[in-house]
Amino acid sequence: MSIPHLCAMNNKKILLILGHPDNESFCSAIAEAYLKSATAAGHDIKLLRLGDLPFQPSLLHGYRQRTQWEPCLEAAWADIQWCNHMVWVYPTWWGTFPAIMKGFIDRLFLPGKAFRYRENSQLWDKLLKGRSARIITTMDSPRWYNWLIYRNAGHNAMKRATLEFCGVSPVKVTAFGKLRWLSEEARAKVLTRIEVLGRAGK
């Protein structure tokens, strides 16, 4: 088997989701660094900037009545179906993820789409199996403080109560703390770490 063939087998279909509403944020720089290195490594990758999507972030009728998907959500769901690896990049605000990302998940990860409850059972079918994910999140608090005081509540909400609930596995978490105190040199080192993840498609 040729080396190029081996490389092709290791390439992934990656959906990179930027959950920060500001395209000039450091999270955006992280997403761009991942995109650039993953593309150079030969991975098939798509970038989805949630701040650019014109959608209603609220479930207007809860789960009683479905709110019709906008075209951008139809396309986003097709991208989720297409990929075998998701990378979520977002800041940790108030211990969890931004409102626009919460709205995106609320609108898209619906019963019958991302999971399905079984009739007369407390169990459910996980409809997003076959996909892995990486969470990349920034925060102003130190990582030890987020773990000790908040028990990584936001990480667990995304990793366990959302992605793993729907069958995505494994889900890895990369967190960068003390963001507002990081020097330009320290931020450059963060982006170098991200480039390594991008090249590996992790």
C-alpha atoms as a PDB file:
ATOM      1  CA  MET A   1       0.000   0.000   0.000  1.00  0.00           C
ATOM      2  CA  SER A   2       1.435   3.372  -1.006  1.00  0.00           C
ATOM      3  CA  ILE A   3       2.133   6.146   1.492  1.00  0.00           C
ATOM      4  CA  PRO A   4      -0.306   8.567  -0.240  1.00  0.00           C
ATOM      5  CA  HIS A   5      -3.024   5.915   0.111  1.00  0.00           C
ATOM      6  CA  LEU A   6      -2.260   5.552   3.815  1.00  0.00           C
ATOM      7  CA  CYS A   7      -2.464   9.321   4.272  1.00  0.00           C
ATOM      8  CA  ALA A   8      -5.816   9.449   2.496  1.00  0.00           C
ATOM      9  CA  MET A   9      -7.190   6.785   4.822  1.00  0.00           C
ATOM     10  CA  ASN A  10      -6.268   8.945   7.820  1.00  0.00           C
ATOM     11  CA  ASN A  11      -7.873  12.106   6.475  1.00  0.00           C
ATOM     12  CA  LYS A  12     -11.108  13.191   8.105  1.00  0.00           C
ATOM     13  CA  LYS A  13     -14.253  15.050   7.161  1.00  0.00           C
ATOM     14  CA  ILE A  14     -14.234  17.811   9.762  1.00  0.00           C
ATOM     15  CA  LEU A  15     -16.954  20.301  10.630  1.00  0.00           C
ATOM     16  CA  LEU A  16     -15.399  23.259  12.451  1.00  0.00           C
ATOM     17  CA  ILE A  17     -18.025  25.274  14.347  1.00  0.00           C
ATOM     18  CA  LEU A  18     -17.166  28.731  15.665  1.00  0.00           C
ATOM     19  CA  GLY A  19     -19.517  29.488  18.539  1.00  0.00           C
ATOM     20  CA  HIS A  20     -18.230  33.020  19.222  1.00  0.00           C
ATOM     21  CA  PRO A  21     -20.517  35.652  17.624  1.00  0.00           C
ATOM     22  CA  ASP A  22     -17.577  37.999  16.928  1.00  0.00           C
ATOM     23  CA  ASN A  23     -15.477  37.043  13.913  1.00  0.00           C
ATOM     24  CA  GLU A  24     -12.612  39.224  15.176  1.00  0.00           C
ATOM     25  CA  SER A  25     -12.310  37.377  18.508  1.00  0.00           C
ATOM     26  CA  PHE A  26      -9.412  35.207  19.638  1.00  0.00           C
ATOM     27  CA  CYS A  27     -11.722  32.215  19.232  1.00  0.00           C
ATOM     28  CA  SER A  28     -11.991  33.182  15.578  1.00  0.00           C
ATOM     29  CA  ALA A  29      -8.183  33.209  15.356  1.00  0.00           C
ATOM     30  CA  ILE A  30      -8.174  29.732  16.895  1.00  0.00           C
ATOM     31  CA  ALA A  31     -10.693  28.513  14.312  1.00  0.00           C
ATOM     32  CA  GLU A  32      -8.658  30.009  11.471  1.00  0.00           C
ATOM     33  CA  ALA A  33      -5.461  28.382  12.759  1.00  0.00           C
ATOM     34  CA  TYR A  34      -7.179  24.997  12.947  1.00  0.00           C
ATOM     35  CA  LEU A  35      -8.718  25.452   9.493  1.00  0.00           C
ATOM     36  CA  LYS A  36      -5.410  26.396   7.880  1.00  0.00           C
ATOM     37  CA  SER A  37      -3.395  23.525   9.350  1.00  0.00           C
ATOM     38  CA  ALA A  38      -6.119  20.907   8.773  1.00  0.00           C
ATOM     39  CA  THR A  39      -6.499  21.997   5.150  1.00  0.00           C
ATOM     40  CA  ALA A  40      -2.733  21.865   4.604  1.00  0.00           C
ATOM     41  CA  ALA A  41      -2.689  18.342   6.041  1.00  0.00           C
ATOM     42  CA  GLY A  42      -5.257  17.209   3.478  1.00  0.00           C
ATOM     43  CA  HIS A  43      -8.335  16.936   5.678  1.00  0.00           C
ATOM     44  CA  ASP A  44     -11.720  17.783   4.156  1.00  0.00           C
ATOM     45  CA  ILE A  45     -12.920  20.604   6.403  1.00  0.00           C
ATOM     46  CA  LYS A  46     -15.796  23.083   6.516  1.00  0.00           C
ATOM     47  CA  LEU A  47     -16.001  26.154   8.759  1.00  0.00           C
ATOM     48  CA  LEU A  48     -19.363  27.196  10.163  1.00  0.00           C
ATOM     49  CA  ARG A  49     -19.460  30.641  11.799  1.00  0.00           C
ATOM     50  CA  LEU A  50     -22.612  30.774  13.908  1.00  0.00           C
ATOM     51  CA  GLY A  51     -22.495  34.576  14.063  1.00  0.00           C
ATOM     52  CA  ASP A  52     -23.046  34.689  10.298  1.00  0.00           C
ATOM     53  CA  LEU A  53     -26.126  32.459  10.285  1.00  0.00           C
ATOM     54  CA  PRO A  54     -29.539  34.185  10.069  1.00  0.00           C
ATOM     55  CA  PHE A  55     -31.622  31.965  12.338  1.00  0.00           C
ATOM     56  CA  GLN A  56     -34.032  32.372  15.246  1.00  0.00           C
ATOM     57  CA  PRO A  57     -32.112  31.024  18.261  1.00  0.00           C
ATOM     58  CA  SER A  58     -35.175  30.276  20.398  1.00  0.00           C
ATOM     59  CA  LEU A  59     -37.457  27.266  20.330  1.00  0.00           C
ATOM     60  CA  LEU A  60     -40.571  29.417  19.981  1.00  0.00           C
ATOM     61  CA  HIS A  61     -42.945  26.596  20.969  1.00  0.00           C
ATOM     62  CA  GLY A  62     -40.534  24.494  23.013  1.00  0.00           C
ATOM     63  CA  TYR A  63     -40.845  20.853  21.991  1.00  0.00           C
ATOM     64  CA  ARG A  64     -44.640  21.060  21.680  1.00  0.00           C
ATOM     65  CA  GLN A  65     -44.446  22.237  18.089  1.00  0.00           C
ATOM     66  CA  ARG A  66     -41.436  22.267  15.814  1.00  0.00           C
ATOM     67  CA  THR A  67     -40.083  25.651  14.688  1.00  0.00           C
ATOM     68  CA  GLN A  68     -39.338  25.270  10.988  1.00  0.00           C
ATOM     69  CA  TRP A  69     -35.660  25.301  10.133  1.00  0.00           C
ATOM     70  CA  GLU A  70     -34.250  28.227   8.208  1.00  0.00           C
ATOM     71  CA  PRO A  71     -32.187  27.324   5.083  1.00  0.00           C
ATOM     72  CA  CYS A  72     -28.936  27.905   7.002  1.00  0.00           C
ATOM     73  CA  LEU A  73     -29.968  25.343   9.623  1.00  0.00           C
ATOM     74  CA  GLU A  74     -30.922  22.842   6.923  1.00  0.00           C
ATOM     75  CA  ALA A  75     -27.426  23.302   5.486  1.00  0.00           C
ATOM     76  CA  ALA A  76     -25.815  23.046   8.930  1.00  0.00           C
ATOM     77  CA  TRP A  77     -27.610  19.771   9.621  1.00  0.00           C
ATOM     78  CA  ALA A  78     -26.418  18.405   6.267  1.00  0.00           C
ATOM     79  CA  ASP A  79     -22.869  19.330   7.315  1.00  0.00           C
ATOM     80  CA  ILE A  80     -23.274  17.487  10.612  1.00  0.00           C
ATOM     81  CA  GLN A  81     -24.504  14.436   8.734  1.00  0.00           C
ATOM     82  CA  TRP A  82     -21.550  14.723   6.339  1.00  0.00           C
ATOM     83  CA  CYS A  83     -18.734  15.000   8.897  1.00  0.00           C
ATOM     84  CA  ASN A  84     -17.057  12.296  10.958  1.00  0.00           C
ATOM     85  CA  HIS A  85     -15.373  14.754  13.338  1.00  0.00           C
ATOM     86  CA  MET A  86     -16.683  17.985  14.862  1.00  0.00           C
ATOM     87  CA  VAL A  87     -14.586  20.746  16.386  1.00  0.00           C
ATOM     88  CA  TRP A  88     -16.429  23.293  18.522  1.00  0.00           C
ATOM     89  CA  VAL A  89     -14.570  26.536  19.268  1.00  0.00           C
ATOM     90  CA  TYR A  90     -16.165  28.939  21.745  1.00  0.00           C
ATOM     91  CA  PRO A  91     -15.560  31.066  24.836  1.00  0.00           C
ATOM     92  CA  THR A  92     -16.781  29.985  28.253  1.00  0.00           C
ATOM     93  CA  TRP A  93     -19.137  32.748  29.401  1.00  0.00           C
ATOM     94  CA  TRP A  94     -20.899  32.521  32.765  1.00  0.00           C
ATOM     95  CA  GLY A  95     -19.642  28.971  33.128  1.00  0.00           C
ATOM     96  CA  THR A  96     -21.030  27.681  29.832  1.00  0.00           C
ATOM     97  CA  PHE A  97     -21.246  28.499  26.116  1.00  0.00           C
ATOM     98  CA  PRO A  98     -22.572  31.655  24.377  1.00  0.00           C
ATOM     99  CA  ALA A  99     -26.285  32.175  23.771  1.00  0.00           C
ATOM    100  CA  ILE A 100     -25.939  31.873  19.993  1.00  0.00           C
ATOM    101  CA  MET A 101     -24.400  28.438  20.365  1.00  0.00           C
ATOM    102  CA  LYS A 102     -27.048  27.342  22.851  1.00  0.00           C
ATOM    103  CA  GLY A 103     -29.707  28.479  20.393  1.00  0.00           C
ATOM    104  CA  PHE A 104     -28.011  26.617  17.554  1.00  0.00           C
ATOM    105  CA  ILE A 105     -28.005  23.404  19.577  1.00  0.00           C
ATOM    106  CA  ASP A 106     -31.599  23.907  20.785  1.00  0.00           C
ATOM    107  CA  ARG A 107     -32.845  24.401  17.237  1.00  0.00           C
ATOM    108  CA  LEU A 108     -30.786  21.677  15.568  1.00  0.00           C
ATOM    109  CA  PHE A 109     -30.312  18.799  18.020  1.00  0.00           C
ATOM    110  CA  LEU A 110     -33.942  17.732  18.043  1.00  0.00           C
ATOM    111  CA  PRO A 111     -35.697  14.499  18.998  1.00  0.00           C
ATOM    112  CA  GLY A 112     -35.845  12.350  15.880  1.00  0.00           C
ATOM    113  CA  LYS A 113     -32.773  14.097  14.483  1.00  0.00           C
ATOM    114  CA  ALA A 114     -29.903  13.905  16.984  1.00  0.00           C
ATOM    115  CA  PHE A 115     -31.557  11.331  19.272  1.00  0.00           C
ATOM    116  CA  ARG A 116     -34.788   9.361  19.526  1.00  0.00           C
ATOM    117  CA  TYR A 117     -36.668   8.349  22.659  1.00  0.00           C
ATOM    118  CA  ARG A 118     -37.799   4.733  22.669  1.00  0.00           C
ATOM    119  CA  GLU A 119     -41.490   3.986  23.076  1.00  0.00           C
ATOM    120  CA  ASN A 120     -42.470   3.017  26.621  1.00  0.00           C
ATOM    121  CA  SER A 121     -38.858   3.263  27.752  1.00  0.00           C
ATOM    122  CA  GLN A 122     -36.564   5.662  29.568  1.00  0.00           C
ATOM    123  CA  LEU A 123     -33.790   4.793  27.118  1.00  0.00           C
ATOM    124  CA  TRP A 124     -33.024   6.536  23.842  1.00  0.00           C
ATOM    125  CA  ASP A 125     -31.256   5.940  20.531  1.00  0.00           C
ATOM    126  CA  LYS A 126     -28.151   8.008  19.858  1.00  0.00           C
ATOM    127  CA  LEU A 127     -28.422   9.125  16.239  1.00  0.00           C
ATOM    128  CA  LEU A 128     -25.053  10.863  15.867  1.00  0.00           C
ATOM    129  CA  LYS A 129     -22.918   7.778  16.422  1.00  0.00           C
ATOM    130  CA  GLY A 130     -19.879   7.378  14.219  1.00  0.00           C
ATOM    131  CA  ARG A 131     -18.610  10.885  14.926  1.00  0.00           C
ATOM    132  CA  SER A 132     -15.952  12.154  17.278  1.00  0.00           C
ATOM    133  CA  ALA A 133     -15.515  15.703  18.566  1.00  0.00           C
ATOM    134  CA  ARG A 134     -13.084  18.149  20.092  1.00  0.00           C
ATOM    135  CA  ILE A 135     -14.183  21.057  22.283  1.00  0.00           C
ATOM    136  CA  ILE A 136     -11.791  24.035  22.244  1.00  0.00           C
ATOM    137  CA  THR A 137     -12.815  26.670  24.740  1.00  0.00           C
ATOM    138  CA  THR A 138     -11.295  29.795  26.245  1.00  0.00           C
ATOM    139  CA  MET A 139     -12.017  31.355  29.618  1.00  0.00           C
ATOM    140  CA  ASP A 140     -10.787  34.225  31.763  1.00  0.00           C
ATOM    141  CA  SER A 141     -10.670  32.152  34.948  1.00  0.00           C
ATOM    142  CA  PRO A 142      -7.790  29.724  35.538  1.00  0.00           C
ATOM    143  CA  ARG A 143      -8.554  26.156  34.495  1.00  0.00           C
ATOM    144  CA  TRP A 144      -8.010  24.909  38.054  1.00  0.00           C
ATOM    145  CA  TYR A 145     -10.608  27.389  39.339  1.00  0.00           C
ATOM    146  CA  ASN A 146     -13.161  26.296  36.739  1.00  0.00           C
ATOM    147  CA  TRP A 147     -12.581  22.678  37.774  1.00  0.00           C
ATOM    148  CA  LEU A 148     -12.518  23.229  41.538  1.00  0.00           C
ATOM    149  CA  ILE A 149     -15.328  25.788  41.941  1.00  0.00           C
ATOM    150  CA  TYR A 150     -17.602  25.063  38.964  1.00  0.00           C
ATOM    151  CA  ARG A 151     -16.722  21.394  38.416  1.00  0.00           C
ATOM    152  CA  ASN A 152     -16.203  22.119  34.707  1.00  0.00           C
ATOM    153  CA  ALA A 153     -19.957  22.611  34.404  1.00  0.00           C
ATOM    154  CA  GLY A 154     -19.823  24.053  30.899  1.00  0.00           C
ATOM    155  CA  HIS A 155     -17.485  21.321  29.658  1.00  0.00           C
ATOM    156  CA  ASN A 156     -19.806  18.655  31.025  1.00  0.00           C
ATOM    157  CA  ALA A 157     -22.914  20.289  29.567  1.00  0.00           C
ATOM    158  CA  MET A 158     -21.395  20.214  26.085  1.00  0.00           C
ATOM    159  CA  LYS A 159     -19.449  16.962  26.308  1.00  0.00           C
ATOM    160  CA  ARG A 160     -21.769  14.711  28.296  1.00  0.00           C
ATOM    161  CA  ALA A 161     -25.254  16.218  28.224  1.00  0.00           C
ATOM    162  CA  THR A 162     -25.161  17.188  24.539  1.00  0.00           C
ATOM    163  CA  LEU A 163     -22.612  15.447  22.312  1.00  0.00           C
ATOM    164  CA  GLU A 164     -22.255  12.136  24.134  1.00  0.00           C
ATOM    165  CA  PHE A 165     -26.009  12.073  24.805  1.00  0.00           C
ATOM    166  CA  CYS A 166     -26.450  12.021  21.013  1.00  0.00           C
ATOM    167  CA  GLY A 167     -23.783   9.354  20.464  1.00  0.00           C
ATOM    168  CA  VAL A 168     -20.736  11.448  19.580  1.00  0.00           C
ATOM    169  CA  SER A 169     -17.654   9.694  20.976  1.00  0.00           C
ATOM    170  CA  PRO A 170     -14.933  10.213  21.935  1.00  0.00           C
ATOM    171  CA  VAL A 171     -15.245  13.880  22.892  1.00  0.00           C
ATOM    172  CA  LYS A 172     -11.996  15.571  23.928  1.00  0.00           C
ATOM    173  CA  VAL A 173     -11.760  18.949  25.684  1.00  0.00           C
ATOM    174  CA  THR A 174      -8.978  21.498  25.203  1.00  0.00           C
ATOM    175  CA  ALA A 175      -9.357  24.527  27.480  1.00  0.00           C
ATOM    176  CA  PHE A 176      -7.263  27.677  27.708  1.00  0.00           C
ATOM    177  CA  GLY A 177      -7.588  29.700  30.906  1.00  0.00           C
ATOM    178  CA  LYS A 178      -6.611  33.211  32.037  1.00  0.00           C
ATOM    179  CA  LEU A 179      -7.259  34.494  28.517  1.00  0.00           C
ATOM    180  CA  ARG A 180      -7.389  38.210  29.255  1.00  0.00           C
ATOM    181  CA  TRP A 181      -3.999  38.032  30.950  1.00  0.00           C
ATOM    182  CA  LEU A 182      -2.256  36.179  28.111  1.00  0.00           C
ATOM    183  CA  SER A 183       0.523  38.067  26.339  1.00  0.00           C
ATOM    184  CA  GLU A 184       0.805  38.104  22.561  1.00  0.00           C
ATOM    185  CA  GLU A 185       3.599  35.562  22.873  1.00  0.00           C
ATOM    186  CA  ALA A 186       1.402  33.271  24.983  1.00  0.00           C
ATOM    187  CA  ARG A 187      -1.451  33.608  22.488  1.00  0.00           C
ATOM    188  CA  ALA A 188       0.896  32.682  19.678  1.00  0.00           C
ATOM    189  CA  LYS A 189       1.802  29.516  21.596  1.00  0.00           C
ATOM    190  CA  VAL A 190      -1.910  28.694  21.904  1.00  0.00           C
ATOM    191  CA  LEU A 191      -2.295  28.991  18.136  1.00  0.00           C
ATOM    192  CA  THR A 192       0.727  26.732  17.630  1.00  0.00           C
ATOM    193  CA  ARG A 193      -0.948  24.077  19.790  1.00  0.00           C
ATOM    194  CA  ILE A 194      -4.113  24.458  17.726  1.00  0.00           C
ATOM    195  CA  GLU A 195      -2.171  23.979  14.496  1.00  0.00           C
ATOM    196  CA  VAL A 196      -0.871  20.659  15.828  1.00  0.00           C
ATOM    197  CA  LEU A 197      -4.459  19.529  16.497  1.00  0.00           C
ATOM    198  CA  GLY A 198      -5.530  20.670  13.044  1.00  0.00           C
ATOM    199  CA  ARG A 199      -2.779  18.775  11.254  1.00  0.00           C
ATOM    200  CA  ALA A 200      -3.708  15.624  13.146  1.00  0.00           C
ATOM    201  CA  GLY A 201      -7.438  16.164  12.557  1.00  0.00           C
ATOM    202  CA  LYS A 202      -8.073  15.881  16.281  1.00  0.00           C
END
